[in-house]
Each structure stands twice: as structure tokens, then as C-alpha cells.
PDB file of N, CA and C in Angstrom:
ATOM      1  N   UNK A   1      24.388 -13.342  47.646  1.00  0.00           N
ATOM      2  CA  UNK A   1      24.818 -14.135  46.503  1.00  0.00           C
ATOM      3  C   UNK A   1      24.732 -15.627  46.832  1.00  0.00           C
ATOM      4  N   UNK A   2      25.140 -16.015  48.035  1.00  0.00           N
ATOM      5  CA  UNK A   2      25.079 -17.430  48.407  1.00  0.00           C
ATOM      6  C   UNK A   2      23.633 -17.920  48.418  1.00  0.00           C
ATOM      7  N   UNK A   3      22.733 -17.073  48.877  1.00  0.00           N
ATOM      8  CA  UNK A   3      21.312 -17.457  48.905  1.00  0.00           C
ATOM      9  C   UNK A   3      20.809 -17.757  47.494  1.00  0.00           C
ATOM     10  N   UNK A   4      21.147 -16.891  46.546  1.00  0.00           N
ATOM     11  CA  UNK A   4      20.731 -17.091  45.158  1.00  0.00           C
ATOM     12  C   UNK A   4      21.335 -18.375  44.605  1.00  0.00           C
ATOM     13  N   UNK A   5      22.614 -18.592  44.874  1.00  0.00           N
ATOM     14  CA  UNK A   5      23.306 -19.763  44.333  1.00  0.00           C
ATOM     15  C   UNK A   5      22.775 -21.064  44.917  1.00  0.00           C
ATOM     16  N   UNK A   6      22.393 -21.050  46.182  1.00  0.00           N
ATOM     17  CA  UNK A   6      21.978 -22.287  46.840  1.00  0.00           C
ATOM     18  C   UNK A   6      20.481 -22.572  46.742  1.00  0.00           C
ATOM     19  N   UNK A   7      19.668 -21.549  46.643  1.00  0.00           N
ATOM     20  CA  UNK A   7      18.220 -21.755  46.676  1.00  0.00           C
ATOM     21  C   UNK A   7      17.539 -21.687  45.313  1.00  0.00           C
ATOM     22  N   UNK A   8      18.197 -21.165  44.315  1.00  0.00           N
ATOM     23  CA  UNK A   8      17.616 -21.102  42.975  1.00  0.00           C
ATOM     24  C   UNK A   8      18.208 -22.203  42.105  1.00  0.00           C
ATOM     25  N   UNK A   9      17.640 -22.389  40.922  1.00  0.00           N
ATOM     26  CA  UNK A   9      18.151 -23.415  40.015  1.00  0.00           C
ATOM     27  C   UNK A   9      18.279 -22.846  38.602  1.00  0.00           C
ATOM     28  N   UNK A  10      18.728 -23.668  37.688  1.00  0.00           N
ATOM     29  CA  UNK A  10      18.962 -23.218  36.311  1.00  0.00           C
ATOM     30  C   UNK A  10      17.680 -22.719  35.650  1.00  0.00           C
ATOM     31  N   UNK A  11      16.544 -23.227  36.056  1.00  0.00           N
ATOM     32  CA  UNK A  11      15.279 -22.805  35.471  1.00  0.00           C
ATOM     33  C   UNK A  11      14.868 -21.392  35.858  1.00  0.00           C
ATOM     34  N   UNK A  12      15.444 -20.856  36.922  1.00  0.00           N
ATOM     35  CA  UNK A  12      15.097 -19.510  37.365  1.00  0.00           C
ATOM     36  C   UNK A  12      16.030 -18.442  36.805  1.00  0.00           C
ATOM     37  N   UNK A  13      17.062 -18.841  36.133  1.00  0.00           N
ATOM     38  CA  UNK A  13      18.010 -17.877  35.564  1.00  0.00           C
ATOM     39  C   UNK A  13      17.462 -17.279  34.278  1.00  0.00           C
ATOM     40  N   UNK A  14      17.782 -16.033  34.032  1.00  0.00           N
ATOM     41  CA  UNK A  14      17.354 -15.365  32.806  1.00  0.00           C
ATOM     42  C   UNK A  14      18.576 -15.077  31.937  1.00  0.00           C
ATOM     43  N   UNK A  15      18.503 -15.407  30.652  1.00  0.00           N
ATOM     44  CA  UNK A  15      19.645 -15.135  29.763  1.00  0.00           C
ATOM     45  C   UNK A  15      19.688 -13.660  29.381  1.00  0.00           C
ATOM     46  N   UNK A  16      20.866 -13.203  29.045  1.00  0.00           N
ATOM     47  CA  UNK A  16      21.009 -11.855  28.500  1.00  0.00           C
ATOM     48  C   UNK A  16      20.525 -11.873  27.059  1.00  0.00           C
ATOM     49  N   UNK A  17      19.831 -10.838  26.671  1.00  0.00           N
ATOM     50  CA  UNK A  17      19.320 -10.746  25.298  1.00  0.00           C
ATOM     51  C   UNK A  17      20.476 -10.723  24.302  1.00  0.00           C
ATOM     52  N   UNK A  18      20.384 -11.543  23.267  1.00  0.00           N
ATOM     53  CA  UNK A  18      21.367 -11.548  22.191  1.00  0.00           C
ATOM     54  C   UNK A  18      22.587 -12.422  22.408  1.00  0.00           C
ATOM     55  N   UNK A  19      22.727 -13.024  23.592  1.00  0.00           N
ATOM     56  CA  UNK A  19      23.924 -13.826  23.872  1.00  0.00           C
ATOM     57  C   UNK A  19      23.961 -15.090  23.022  1.00  0.00           C
ATOM     58  N   UNK A  20      22.838 -15.758  22.840  1.00  0.00           N
ATOM     59  CA  UNK A  20      22.818 -16.976  22.016  1.00  0.00           C
ATOM     60  C   UNK A  20      23.249 -16.664  20.590  1.00  0.00           C
ATOM     61  N   UNK A  21      22.763 -15.558  20.064  1.00  0.00           N
ATOM     62  CA  UNK A  21      23.140 -15.158  18.705  1.00  0.00           C
ATOM     63  C   UNK A  21      24.623 -14.792  18.630  1.00  0.00           C
ATOM     64  N   UNK A  22      25.140 -14.150  19.672  1.00  0.00           N
ATOM     65  CA  UNK A  22      26.561 -13.797  19.713  1.00  0.00           C
ATOM     66  C   UNK A  22      27.427 -15.045  19.692  1.00  0.00           C
ATOM     67  N   UNK A  23      27.107 -16.021  20.536  1.00  0.00           N
ATOM     68  CA  UNK A  23      27.895 -17.262  20.574  1.00  0.00           C
ATOM     69  C   UNK A  23      27.803 -18.008  19.248  1.00  0.00           C
ATOM     70  N   UNK A  24      26.631 -18.013  18.636  1.00  0.00           N
ATOM     71  CA  UNK A  24      26.484 -18.674  17.335  1.00  0.00           C
ATOM     72  C   UNK A  24      27.358 -17.989  16.293  1.00  0.00           C
ATOM     73  N   UNK A  25      27.400 -16.661  16.310  1.00  0.00           N
ATOM     74  CA  UNK A  25      28.228 -15.925  15.354  1.00  0.00           C
ATOM     75  C   UNK A  25      29.711 -16.155  15.616  1.00  0.00           C
ATOM     76  N   UNK A  26      30.113 -16.227  16.875  1.00  0.00           N
ATOM     77  CA  UNK A  26      31.517 -16.467  17.207  1.00  0.00           C
ATOM     78  C   UNK A  26      31.976 -17.863  16.805  1.00  0.00           C
ATOM     79  N   UNK A  27      31.059 -18.816  16.796  1.00  0.00           N
ATOM     80  CA  UNK A  27      31.440 -20.194  16.493  1.00  0.00           C
ATOM     81  C   UNK A  27      31.631 -20.456  15.003  1.00  0.00           C
ATOM     82  N   UNK A  28      31.168 -19.540  14.159  1.00  0.00           N
ATOM     83  CA  UNK A  28      31.347 -19.698  12.716  1.00  0.00           C
ATOM     84  C   UNK A  28      32.762 -19.255  12.364  1.00  0.00           C
ATOM     85  N   UNK A  29      33.440 -20.038  11.566  1.00  0.00           N
ATOM     86  CA  UNK A  29      34.808 -19.706  11.173  1.00  0.00           C
ATOM     87  C   UNK A  29      34.878 -18.471  10.299  1.00  0.00           C
ATOM     88  N   UNK A  30      36.075 -18.003  10.055  1.00  0.00           N
ATOM     89  CA  UNK A  30      36.267 -16.776   9.283  1.00  0.00           C
ATOM     90  C   UNK A  30      35.732 -16.878   7.864  1.00  0.00           C
ATOM     91  N   UNK A  31      35.670 -18.099   7.322  1.00  0.00           N
ATOM     92  CA  UNK A  31      35.173 -18.258   5.954  1.00  0.00           C
ATOM     93  C   UNK A  31      33.696 -18.655   5.914  1.00  0.00           C
ATOM     94  N   UNK A  32      33.066 -18.764   7.083  1.00  0.00           N
ATOM     95  CA  UNK A  32      31.652 -19.097   7.157  1.00  0.00           C
ATOM     96  C   UNK A  32      31.342 -20.575   7.046  1.00  0.00           C
ATOM     97  N   UNK A  33      32.353 -21.409   6.819  1.00  0.00           N
ATOM     98  CA  UNK A  33      32.122 -22.847   6.671  1.00  0.00           C
ATOM     99  C   UNK A  33      32.690 -23.646   7.835  1.00  0.00           C
ATOM    100  N   UNK A  34      33.734 -23.170   8.429  1.00  0.00           N
ATOM    101  CA  UNK A  34      34.373 -23.909   9.522  1.00  0.00           C
ATOM    102  C   UNK A  34      33.689 -23.583  10.836  1.00  0.00           C
ATOM    103  N   UNK A  35      33.769 -24.512  11.746  1.00  0.00           N
ATOM    104  CA  UNK A  35      33.211 -24.294  13.079  1.00  0.00           C
ATOM    105  C   UNK A  35      34.365 -24.044  14.038  1.00  0.00           C
ATOM    106  N   UNK A  36      34.281 -22.986  14.789  1.00  0.00           N
ATOM    107  CA  UNK A  36      35.303 -22.620  15.750  1.00  0.00           C
ATOM    108  C   UNK A  36      34.798 -22.968  17.142  1.00  0.00           C
ATOM    109  N   UNK A  37      35.555 -23.763  17.901  1.00  0.00           N
ATOM    110  CA  UNK A  37      35.097 -24.097  19.256  1.00  0.00           C
ATOM    111  C   UNK A  37      35.156 -22.877  20.175  1.00  0.00           C
ATOM    112  N   UNK A  38      34.247 -22.831  21.101  1.00  0.00           N
ATOM    113  CA  UNK A  38      34.211 -21.762  22.097  1.00  0.00           C
ATOM    114  C   UNK A  38      34.342 -22.410  23.469  1.00  0.00           C
ATOM    115  N   UNK A  39      35.248 -21.883  24.269  1.00  0.00           N
ATOM    116  CA  UNK A  39      35.440 -22.354  25.637  1.00  0.00           C
ATOM    117  C   UNK A  39      35.045 -21.220  26.572  1.00  0.00           C
ATOM    118  N   UNK A  40      34.061 -21.468  27.392  1.00  0.00           N
ATOM    119  CA  UNK A  40      33.539 -20.449  28.298  1.00  0.00           C
ATOM    120  C   UNK A  40      33.936 -20.820  29.721  1.00  0.00           C
ATOM    121  N   UNK A  41      34.659 -19.930  30.381  1.00  0.00           N
ATOM    122  CA  UNK A  41      35.066 -20.136  31.769  1.00  0.00           C
ATOM    123  C   UNK A  41      34.353 -19.116  32.641  1.00  0.00           C
ATOM    124  N   UNK A  42      33.868 -19.578  33.760  1.00  0.00           N
ATOM    125  CA  UNK A  42      33.146 -18.687  34.651  1.00  0.00           C
ATOM    126  C   UNK A  42      33.531 -18.969  36.100  1.00  0.00           C
ATOM    127  N   UNK A  43      33.573 -17.922  36.882  1.00  0.00           N
ATOM    128  CA  UNK A  43      33.809 -18.067  38.315  1.00  0.00           C
ATOM    129  C   UNK A  43      32.525 -17.787  39.086  1.00  0.00           C
ATOM    130  N   UNK A  44      31.424 -17.858  38.401  1.00  0.00           N
ATOM    131  CA  UNK A  44      30.134 -17.559  38.997  1.00  0.00           C
ATOM    132  C   UNK A  44      29.763 -18.589  40.061  1.00  0.00           C
ATOM    133  N   UNK A  45      29.129 -18.166  41.145  1.00  0.00           N
ATOM    134  CA  UNK A  45      28.674 -19.116  42.163  1.00  0.00           C
ATOM    135  C   UNK A  45      27.588 -20.056  41.648  1.00  0.00           C
ATOM    136  N   UNK A  46      26.995 -19.755  40.479  1.00  0.00           N
ATOM    137  CA  UNK A  46      25.999 -20.656  39.899  1.00  0.00           C
ATOM    138  C   UNK A  46      26.621 -21.996  39.549  1.00  0.00           C
ATOM    139  N   UNK A  47      27.921 -22.043  39.369  1.00  0.00           N
ATOM    140  CA  UNK A  47      28.584 -23.264  38.914  1.00  0.00           C
ATOM    141  C   UNK A  47      28.976 -24.183  40.057  1.00  0.00           C
ATOM    142  N   UNK A  48      28.394 -24.008  41.228  1.00  0.00           N
ATOM    143  CA  UNK A  48      28.739 -24.851  42.383  1.00  0.00           C
ATOM    144  C   UNK A  48      28.404 -26.293  42.128  1.00  0.00           C
TER     145      UNK A  48
END
């Protein structure tokens, strides 16, 4: 894990399919007009 975190960069990471659409859907308010903020916390070693 340390090797991946230290030797790779953001350009080598692959996103999970559908995550962008999920976050976009979560950010829409219950009435479809308001924007709901999303706070993402991660303990991933990528965030060094």
C-alpha cells in the first residue's frame, strides 16, 4: 500500500463506475432545486 501511495499519482487512479453520477444525485436537494453540500472524509493513504 505504501508503494502505491508514494510512487503513483492522481493520474494513475481509476474511478469507480457511477460514482460521479451518485455524488451529483446526492448534491441535489429534496425538491430538485436546492444544492446540498457533500463532505467526503477519507483515511486513504492517497491523501498523504
